[in-house]
Amino acid sequence: MGLGVIFPDRSFMEKTCCMFLLGVLYSPHQDERVLLRRRMIEMKIRSRETMEKIVDYVNRYYLRYHRSPSFGEIAEKFQMSKSVSYGYIKQMVRDGMVEYDGRTISTHRMKHDDMDVLGIPVLGSVACGIPEDSGDDPDEIMYLPEKLVGKGDQFYLLYANGDSMIGAGIDDGDLVLIHKQDTARMGDIVVAWVEGEGNTLKRFLVDGNKIVLHPENPALADIRVDECRVQGVLRLIIKRPDRYSYLDKLSDRFFS
């Protein structure tokens, strides 16, 4: 008894050949394999995106704290385990995205670009109202990129206290960056020391032989004195309450 041979039609053969050439042989599990392959590609894309985000985070963290983040801090930021964050850094080292010497994570930007930062002392508060004393000993050190604030060590930070400068965009609790100098131009916002009173943050004006320390709040009166000592001039306002979010915006300017 002869064996009967059934030849498939031409369209079936063409379809099978095309599927073979594409490396996707027809089988009941074809859809599962395609789905698995798609998921693997998506995982690789997500992993690369995460690594790029980690590089950006390390750069910004360095600008803020003048050190690289720990694995625990990376894990907390990206909602992963500490071991997973370590695995990411190991892969990033292999890919040449970062360097790691066992203690510090370094990016290309940290090693080769202009990422010099200034450690600026926070010297307490300054009155945006009645003058008060501010201390000389720093409460903390905040790091700001030199590219944004300029070179030199003649800067300090103060917390604004009061509402007399709200018209100039300075609210209670904001941080103000002050350039240390003993002269001011008409219209500058200054930290001025008034004898017997202390320091205050006001706009510097002159009216005849009087110095006018003008509040940017119509509900408050000018402080008129014969003399005062200028302690510095306002350079930058760092808004409250999320001052670190504001520093991230400054970092955006740096990285743009």
C-alpha atoms as a PDB file:
ATOM      1  CA  MET A   1       0.000   0.000   0.000  1.00  0.00           C
ATOM      2  CA  GLY A   2       1.554   3.255  -1.082  1.00  0.00           C
ATOM      3  CA  LEU A   3       1.977   6.201   1.202  1.00  0.00           C
ATOM      4  CA  GLY A   4      -0.142   9.199   0.343  1.00  0.00           C
ATOM      5  CA  VAL A   5       1.667  12.541   0.420  1.00  0.00           C
ATOM      6  CA  ILE A   6      -0.373  15.684   0.959  1.00  0.00           C
ATOM      7  CA  PHE A   7       1.306  18.838  -0.301  1.00  0.00           C
ATOM      8  CA  PRO A   8       0.257  22.031   1.477  1.00  0.00           C
ATOM      9  CA  ASP A   9      -1.059  24.838  -0.637  1.00  0.00           C
ATOM     10  CA  ARG A  10       1.290  27.589  -1.844  1.00  0.00           C
ATOM     11  CA  SER A  11       0.072  30.262   0.570  1.00  0.00           C
ATOM     12  CA  PHE A  12       0.782  28.009   3.551  1.00  0.00           C
ATOM     13  CA  MET A  13       4.316  27.314   2.265  1.00  0.00           C
ATOM     14  CA  GLU A  14       5.028  31.004   1.724  1.00  0.00           C
ATOM     15  CA  LYS A  15       3.797  31.851   5.205  1.00  0.00           C
ATOM     16  CA  THR A  16       5.908  29.084   6.774  1.00  0.00           C
ATOM     17  CA  CYS A  17       9.033  30.176   4.871  1.00  0.00           C
ATOM     18  CA  CYS A  18       8.551  33.795   5.932  1.00  0.00           C
ATOM     19  CA  MET A  19       8.083  32.794   9.542  1.00  0.00           C
ATOM     20  CA  PHE A  20      11.202  30.601   9.365  1.00  0.00           C
ATOM     21  CA  LEU A  21      13.287  33.423   7.904  1.00  0.00           C
ATOM     22  CA  LEU A  22      12.080  35.723  10.678  1.00  0.00           C
ATOM     23  CA  GLY A  23      13.144  33.161  13.256  1.00  0.00           C
ATOM     24  CA  VAL A  24       9.607  32.693  14.508  1.00  0.00           C
ATOM     25  CA  LEU A  25       8.485  29.145  13.675  1.00  0.00           C
ATOM     26  CA  TYR A  26       4.839  28.558  14.103  1.00  0.00           C
ATOM     27  CA  SER A  27       3.931  26.662  17.213  1.00  0.00           C
ATOM     28  CA  PRO A  28       1.210  26.751  19.846  1.00  0.00           C
ATOM     29  CA  HIS A  29       3.701  28.671  22.058  1.00  0.00           C
ATOM     30  CA  GLN A  30       4.527  31.320  19.445  1.00  0.00           C
ATOM     31  CA  ASP A  31       2.558  34.079  21.176  1.00  0.00           C
ATOM     32  CA  GLU A  32       4.228  33.309  24.515  1.00  0.00           C
ATOM     33  CA  ARG A  33       7.717  33.516  22.977  1.00  0.00           C
ATOM     34  CA  VAL A  34       6.951  36.797  21.238  1.00  0.00           C
ATOM     35  CA  LEU A  35       5.520  38.217  24.451  1.00  0.00           C
ATOM     36  CA  LEU A  36       8.581  37.062  26.438  1.00  0.00           C
ATOM     37  CA  ARG A  37      10.938  38.598  23.881  1.00  0.00           C
ATOM     38  CA  ARG A  38       8.995  41.876  24.000  1.00  0.00           C
ATOM     39  CA  ARG A  39       9.151  41.930  27.798  1.00  0.00           C
ATOM     40  CA  MET A  40      12.910  41.327  27.747  1.00  0.00           C
ATOM     41  CA  ILE A  41      13.388  44.256  25.352  1.00  0.00           C
ATOM     42  CA  GLU A  42      11.199  46.472  27.534  1.00  0.00           C
ATOM     43  CA  MET A  43      13.200  45.456  30.633  1.00  0.00           C
ATOM     44  CA  LYS A  44      16.472  46.382  28.887  1.00  0.00           C
ATOM     45  CA  ILE A  45      15.040  49.770  27.890  1.00  0.00           C
ATOM     46  CA  ARG A  46      13.779  50.411  31.420  1.00  0.00           C
ATOM     47  CA  SER A  47      17.118  49.360  32.902  1.00  0.00           C
ATOM     48  CA  ARG A  48      18.992  51.762  30.624  1.00  0.00           C
ATOM     49  CA  GLU A  49      16.584  54.573  31.498  1.00  0.00           C
ATOM     50  CA  THR A  50      17.056  53.842  35.204  1.00  0.00           C
ATOM     51  CA  MET A  51      20.842  53.894  34.850  1.00  0.00           C
ATOM     52  CA  GLU A  52      20.685  57.271  33.100  1.00  0.00           C
ATOM     53  CA  LYS A  53      18.446  58.575  35.892  1.00  0.00           C
ATOM     54  CA  ILE A  54      20.928  57.287  38.492  1.00  0.00           C
ATOM     55  CA  VAL A  55      23.762  59.170  36.755  1.00  0.00           C
ATOM     56  CA  ASP A  56      21.679  62.361  36.834  1.00  0.00           C
ATOM     57  CA  TYR A  57      20.820  61.781  40.512  1.00  0.00           C
ATOM     58  CA  VAL A  58      24.499  61.239  41.427  1.00  0.00           C
ATOM     59  CA  ASN A  59      25.445  64.509  39.689  1.00  0.00           C
ATOM     60  CA  ARG A  60      22.725  66.500  41.449  1.00  0.00           C
ATOM     61  CA  TYR A  61      23.452  64.868  44.803  1.00  0.00           C
ATOM     62  CA  TYR A  62      27.107  65.816  44.478  1.00  0.00           C
ATOM     63  CA  LEU A  63      26.183  69.434  43.759  1.00  0.00           C
ATOM     64  CA  ARG A  64      24.022  69.546  46.873  1.00  0.00           C
ATOM     65  CA  TYR A  65      26.126  67.587  49.392  1.00  0.00           C
ATOM     66  CA  HIS A  66      29.601  67.549  47.828  1.00  0.00           C
ATOM     67  CA  ARG A  67      29.760  63.764  48.007  1.00  0.00           C
ATOM     68  CA  SER A  68      28.257  60.856  46.106  1.00  0.00           C
ATOM     69  CA  PRO A  69      25.126  59.102  47.412  1.00  0.00           C
ATOM     70  CA  SER A  70      25.280  55.762  49.187  1.00  0.00           C
ATOM     71  CA  PHE A  71      23.679  52.609  47.789  1.00  0.00           C
ATOM     72  CA  GLY A  72      20.973  52.970  50.415  1.00  0.00           C
ATOM     73  CA  GLU A  73      20.204  56.519  49.291  1.00  0.00           C
ATOM     74  CA  ILE A  74      20.058  55.409  45.650  1.00  0.00           C
ATOM     75  CA  ALA A  75      17.774  52.534  46.644  1.00  0.00           C
ATOM     76  CA  GLU A  76      15.436  54.871  48.535  1.00  0.00           C
ATOM     77  CA  LYS A  77      15.338  57.370  45.664  1.00  0.00           C
ATOM     78  CA  PHE A  78      14.430  54.770  43.040  1.00  0.00           C
ATOM     79  CA  GLN A  79      12.325  52.517  45.298  1.00  0.00           C
ATOM     80  CA  MET A  80      14.494  49.440  44.958  1.00  0.00           C
ATOM     81  CA  SER A  81      16.442  47.248  47.345  1.00  0.00           C
ATOM     82  CA  LYS A  82      19.999  48.103  48.344  1.00  0.00           C
ATOM     83  CA  SER A  83      21.290  44.967  46.585  1.00  0.00           C
ATOM     84  CA  VAL A  84      19.525  45.958  43.365  1.00  0.00           C
ATOM     85  CA  SER A  85      21.046  49.460  43.524  1.00  0.00           C
ATOM     86  CA  TYR A  86      24.468  47.845  43.976  1.00  0.00           C
ATOM     87  CA  GLY A  87      23.785  45.669  40.929  1.00  0.00           C
ATOM     88  CA  TYR A  88      22.923  48.733  38.890  1.00  0.00           C
ATOM     89  CA  ILE A  89      26.172  50.458  39.854  1.00  0.00           C
ATOM     90  CA  LYS A  90      28.207  47.342  38.989  1.00  0.00           C
ATOM     91  CA  GLN A  91      26.569  47.213  35.550  1.00  0.00           C
ATOM     92  CA  MET A  92      27.082  50.967  35.075  1.00  0.00           C
ATOM     93  CA  VAL A  93      30.782  50.512  35.878  1.00  0.00           C
ATOM     94  CA  ARG A  94      30.999  47.751  33.252  1.00  0.00           C
ATOM     95  CA  ASP A  95      29.234  50.022  30.741  1.00  0.00           C
ATOM     96  CA  GLY A  96      31.591  52.912  31.481  1.00  0.00           C
ATOM     97  CA  MET A  97      28.802  55.156  32.800  1.00  0.00           C
ATOM     98  CA  VAL A  98      30.350  55.615  36.262  1.00  0.00           C
ATOM     99  CA  GLU A  99      33.440  54.722  38.249  1.00  0.00           C
ATOM    100  CA  TYR A 100      33.371  53.210  41.733  1.00  0.00           C
ATOM    101  CA  ASP A 101      36.457  52.879  43.963  1.00  0.00           C
ATOM    102  CA  GLY A 102      34.725  51.084  46.825  1.00  0.00           C
ATOM    103  CA  ARG A 103      33.665  54.328  48.513  1.00  0.00           C
ATOM    104  CA  THR A 104      32.780  56.987  45.945  1.00  0.00           C
ATOM    105  CA  ILE A 105      30.660  56.839  42.799  1.00  0.00           C
ATOM    106  CA  SER A 106      32.072  59.201  40.166  1.00  0.00           C
ATOM    107  CA  THR A 107      30.442  60.265  36.917  1.00  0.00           C
ATOM    108  CA  HIS A 108      32.091  61.657  33.812  1.00  0.00           C
ATOM    109  CA  ARG A 109      30.665  65.104  34.603  1.00  0.00           C
ATOM    110  CA  MET A 110      32.014  65.037  38.153  1.00  0.00           C
ATOM    111  CA  LYS A 111      35.509  64.147  36.929  1.00  0.00           C
ATOM    112  CA  HIS A 112      35.806  66.285  33.824  1.00  0.00           C
ATOM    113  CA  ASP A 113      33.236  69.093  33.797  1.00  0.00           C
ATOM    114  CA  ASP A 114      33.139  72.317  35.768  1.00  0.00           C
ATOM    115  CA  MET A 115      31.326  71.067  38.868  1.00  0.00           C
ATOM    116  CA  ASP A 116      33.134  73.127  41.469  1.00  0.00           C
ATOM    117  CA  VAL A 117      30.874  73.911  44.394  1.00  0.00           C
ATOM    118  CA  LEU A 118      31.014  76.394  47.244  1.00  0.00           C
ATOM    119  CA  GLY A 119      30.329  75.388  50.819  1.00  0.00           C
ATOM    120  CA  ILE A 120      28.338  78.385  52.039  1.00  0.00           C
ATOM    121  CA  PRO A 121      27.676  78.857  55.785  1.00  0.00           C
ATOM    122  CA  VAL A 122      24.135  79.386  57.016  1.00  0.00           C
ATOM    123  CA  LEU A 123      24.494  82.013  59.775  1.00  0.00           C
ATOM    124  CA  GLY A 124      21.068  81.946  61.387  1.00  0.00           C
ATOM    125  CA  SER A 125      18.336  84.442  60.558  1.00  0.00           C
ATOM    126  CA  VAL A 126      17.964  88.071  59.581  1.00  0.00           C
ATOM    127  CA  ALA A 127      14.965  90.233  60.396  1.00  0.00           C
ATOM    128  CA  CYS A 128      12.595  91.291  57.661  1.00  0.00           C
ATOM    129  CA  GLY A 129      11.016  93.610  60.193  1.00  0.00           C
ATOM    130  CA  ILE A 130      12.566  94.772  63.462  1.00  0.00           C
ATOM    131  CA  PRO A 131      16.399  94.532  63.353  1.00  0.00           C
ATOM    132  CA  GLU A 132      17.964  91.633  65.245  1.00  0.00           C
ATOM    133  CA  ASP A 133      21.352  90.047  65.782  1.00  0.00           C
ATOM    134  CA  SER A 134      22.505  87.125  63.625  1.00  0.00           C
ATOM    135  CA  GLY A 135      25.288  84.864  64.831  1.00  0.00           C
ATOM    136  CA  ASP A 136      28.702  84.329  63.307  1.00  0.00           C
ATOM    137  CA  ASP A 137      28.858  80.570  63.828  1.00  0.00           C
ATOM    138  CA  PRO A 138      27.293  78.584  60.965  1.00  0.00           C
ATOM    139  CA  ASP A 139      24.225  76.473  61.741  1.00  0.00           C
ATOM    140  CA  GLU A 140      24.940  74.346  58.675  1.00  0.00           C
ATOM    141  CA  ILE A 141      26.820  74.354  55.387  1.00  0.00           C
ATOM    142  CA  MET A 142      24.962  74.367  52.084  1.00  0.00           C
ATOM    143  CA  TYR A 143      26.716  73.557  48.818  1.00  0.00           C
ATOM    144  CA  LEU A 144      25.871  75.581  45.711  1.00  0.00           C
ATOM    145  CA  PRO A 145      27.475  75.303  42.255  1.00  0.00           C
ATOM    146  CA  GLU A 146      30.182  77.897  41.716  1.00  0.00           C
ATOM    147  CA  LYS A 147      28.974  78.279  38.153  1.00  0.00           C
ATOM    148  CA  LEU A 148      25.712  79.741  39.487  1.00  0.00           C
ATOM    149  CA  VAL A 149      26.876  81.930  42.361  1.00  0.00           C
ATOM    150  CA  GLY A 150      30.378  82.919  41.236  1.00  0.00           C
ATOM    151  CA  LYS A 151      33.849  82.345  42.629  1.00  0.00           C
ATOM    152  CA  GLY A 152      35.207  83.326  46.004  1.00  0.00           C
ATOM    153  CA  ASP A 153      34.397  82.735  49.646  1.00  0.00           C
ATOM    154  CA  GLN A 154      32.584  85.997  50.327  1.00  0.00           C
ATOM    155  CA  PHE A 155      29.100  84.507  50.622  1.00  0.00           C
ATOM    156  CA  TYR A 156      26.813  83.502  53.451  1.00  0.00           C
ATOM    157  CA  LEU A 157      23.194  82.413  53.824  1.00  0.00           C
ATOM    158  CA  LEU A 158      20.526  83.653  56.210  1.00  0.00           C
ATOM    159  CA  TYR A 159      16.937  82.675  56.909  1.00  0.00           C
ATOM    160  CA  ALA A 160      14.538  85.552  56.315  1.00  0.00           C
ATOM    161  CA  ASN A 161      12.445  86.255  59.385  1.00  0.00           C
ATOM    162  CA  GLY A 162       9.286  88.331  58.994  1.00  0.00           C
ATOM    163  CA  ASP A 163       7.175  89.764  56.195  1.00  0.00           C
ATOM    164  CA  SER A 164       8.628  93.193  55.495  1.00  0.00           C
ATOM    165  CA  MET A 165      10.231  92.133  52.179  1.00  0.00           C
ATOM    166  CA  ILE A 166       7.336  90.216  50.630  1.00  0.00           C
ATOM    167  CA  GLY A 167       7.085  92.796  47.853  1.00  0.00           C
ATOM    168  CA  ALA A 168      10.580  91.757  46.744  1.00  0.00           C
ATOM    169  CA  GLY A 169       9.606  88.080  46.724  1.00  0.00           C
ATOM    170  CA  ILE A 170      11.226  87.300  50.093  1.00  0.00           C
ATOM    171  CA  ASP A 171       8.880  85.398  52.400  1.00  0.00           C
ATOM    172  CA  ASP A 172       9.288  84.326  56.000  1.00  0.00           C
ATOM    173  CA  GLY A 173      11.555  81.264  56.126  1.00  0.00           C
ATOM    174  CA  ASP A 174      13.215  81.787  52.747  1.00  0.00           C
ATOM    175  CA  LEU A 175      16.988  81.472  52.521  1.00  0.00           C
ATOM    176  CA  VAL A 176      18.805  84.502  51.160  1.00  0.00           C
ATOM    177  CA  LEU A 177      22.292  84.315  49.666  1.00  0.00           C
ATOM    178  CA  ILE A 178      24.324  87.374  50.675  1.00  0.00           C
ATOM    179  CA  HIS A 179      27.564  88.591  49.124  1.00  0.00           C
ATOM    180  CA  LYS A 180      29.729  89.925  51.919  1.00  0.00           C
ATOM    181  CA  GLN A 181      30.614  93.596  51.227  1.00  0.00           C
ATOM    182  CA  ASP A 182      30.511  96.898  53.081  1.00  0.00           C
ATOM    183  CA  THR A 183      29.189  99.108  50.276  1.00  0.00           C
ATOM    184  CA  ALA A 184      25.865  99.191  48.442  1.00  0.00           C
ATOM    185  CA  ARG A 185      24.284 101.001  45.536  1.00  0.00           C
ATOM    186  CA  MET A 186      21.003 102.848  45.706  1.00  0.00           C
ATOM    187  CA  GLY A 187      18.196 100.298  45.509  1.00  0.00           C
ATOM    188  CA  ASP A 188      20.220  97.244  46.565  1.00  0.00           C
ATOM    189  CA  ILE A 189      18.654  94.861  49.070  1.00  0.00           C
ATOM    190  CA  VAL A 190      21.163  94.686  51.902  1.00  0.00           C
ATOM    191  CA  VAL A 191      21.845  93.197  55.277  1.00  0.00           C
ATOM    192  CA  ALA A 192      22.444  96.330  57.343  1.00  0.00           C
ATOM    193  CA  TRP A 193      23.593  96.580  60.940  1.00  0.00           C
ATOM    194  CA  VAL A 194      21.935  99.399  62.889  1.00  0.00           C
ATOM    195  CA  GLU A 195      23.676 100.413  66.107  1.00  0.00           C
ATOM    196  CA  GLY A 196      21.775  99.342  69.161  1.00  0.00           C
ATOM    197  CA  GLU A 197      19.360  97.276  67.049  1.00  0.00           C
ATOM    198  CA  GLY A 198      21.200  94.610  65.101  1.00  0.00           C
ATOM    199  CA  ASN A 199      20.889  93.302  61.546  1.00  0.00           C
ATOM    200  CA  THR A 200      17.965  93.766  59.196  1.00  0.00           C
ATOM    201  CA  LEU A 201      17.251  92.953  55.557  1.00  0.00           C
ATOM    202  CA  LYS A 202      15.941  96.005  53.692  1.00  0.00           C
ATOM    203  CA  ARG A 203      16.262  97.981  50.483  1.00  0.00           C
ATOM    204  CA  PHE A 204      19.048 100.547  50.734  1.00  0.00           C
ATOM    205  CA  LEU A 205      18.084 104.139  49.863  1.00  0.00           C
ATOM    206  CA  VAL A 206      19.462 107.597  50.621  1.00  0.00           C
ATOM    207  CA  ASP A 207      17.294 110.651  51.312  1.00  0.00           C
ATOM    208  CA  GLY A 208      19.393 113.769  51.766  1.00  0.00           C
ATOM    209  CA  ASN A 209      21.677 113.126  54.717  1.00  0.00           C
ATOM    210  CA  LYS A 210      19.609 110.167  55.932  1.00  0.00           C
ATOM    211  CA  ILE A 211      19.970 106.491  55.123  1.00  0.00           C
ATOM    212  CA  VAL A 212      16.603 104.869  54.504  1.00  0.00           C
ATOM    213  CA  LEU A 213      16.184 101.128  55.047  1.00  0.00           C
ATOM    214  CA  HIS A 214      12.996 100.567  53.107  1.00  0.00           C
ATOM    215  CA  PRO A 215      10.689  97.559  53.680  1.00  0.00           C
ATOM    216  CA  GLU A 216       8.914  96.100  50.667  1.00  0.00           C
ATOM    217  CA  ASN A 217       5.625  96.001  52.543  1.00  0.00           C
ATOM    218  CA  PRO A 218       3.267  99.018  52.476  1.00  0.00           C
ATOM    219  CA  ALA A 219       2.033  98.208  55.976  1.00  0.00           C
ATOM    220  CA  LEU A 220       5.457  98.927  57.483  1.00  0.00           C
ATOM    221  CA  ALA A 221       7.395 102.171  57.910  1.00  0.00           C
ATOM    222  CA  ASP A 222      10.880 103.009  56.711  1.00  0.00           C
ATOM    223  CA  ILE A 223      13.807 102.824  59.093  1.00  0.00           C
ATOM    224  CA  ARG A 224      15.601 106.174  58.834  1.00  0.00           C
ATOM    225  CA  VAL A 225      19.048 106.444  60.391  1.00  0.00           C
ATOM    226  CA  ASP A 226      22.080 108.716  60.238  1.00  0.00           C
ATOM    227  CA  GLU A 227      24.360 105.778  59.615  1.00  0.00           C
ATOM    228  CA  CYS A 228      24.413 102.004  59.399  1.00  0.00           C
ATOM    229  CA  ARG A 229      26.920  99.333  58.482  1.00  0.00           C
ATOM    230  CA  VAL A 230      26.284  97.370  55.306  1.00  0.00           C
ATOM    231  CA  GLN A 231      27.040  93.677  55.960  1.00  0.00           C
ATOM    232  CA  GLY A 232      26.291  92.375  52.475  1.00  0.00           C
ATOM    233  CA  VAL A 233      24.110  92.555  49.381  1.00  0.00           C
ATOM    234  CA  LEU A 234      21.428  90.086  48.310  1.00  0.00           C
ATOM    235  CA  ARG A 235      22.387  87.804  45.415  1.00  0.00           C
ATOM    236  CA  LEU A 236      19.849  84.976  45.432  1.00  0.00           C
ATOM    237  CA  ILE A 237      16.586  83.907  47.110  1.00  0.00           C
ATOM    238  CA  ILE A 238      16.056  80.209  47.873  1.00  0.00           C
ATOM    239  CA  LYS A 239      12.360  79.677  48.462  1.00  0.00           C
ATOM    240  CA  ARG A 240      10.720  77.925  51.358  1.00  0.00           C
ATOM    241  CA  PRO A 241       9.325  75.363  52.109  1.00  0.00           C
ATOM    242  CA  ASP A 242      10.990  73.041  49.605  1.00  0.00           C
ATOM    243  CA  ARG A 243      14.344  74.726  49.389  1.00  0.00           C
ATOM    244  CA  TYR A 244      15.965  71.534  48.134  1.00  0.00           C
ATOM    245  CA  SER A 245      13.406  71.361  45.330  1.00  0.00           C
ATOM    246  CA  TYR A 246      14.422  74.895  44.492  1.00  0.00           C
ATOM    247  CA  LEU A 247      18.060  73.824  44.483  1.00  0.00           C
ATOM    248  CA  ASP A 248      17.087  71.124  42.002  1.00  0.00           C
ATOM    249  CA  LYS A 249      15.784  73.898  39.738  1.00  0.00           C
ATOM    250  CA  LEU A 250      19.141  75.639  40.109  1.00  0.00           C
ATOM    251  CA  SER A 251      20.775  72.356  39.150  1.00  0.00           C
ATOM    252  CA  ASP A 252      18.543  72.231  36.062  1.00  0.00           C
ATOM    253  CA  ARG A 253      20.056  75.567  35.027  1.00  0.00           C
ATOM    254  CA  PHE A 254      23.514  74.139  35.628  1.00  0.00           C
ATOM    255  CA  PHE A 255      22.910  70.977  33.596  1.00  0.00           C
ATOM    256  CA  SER A 256      21.080  72.702  30.724  1.00  0.00           C
END
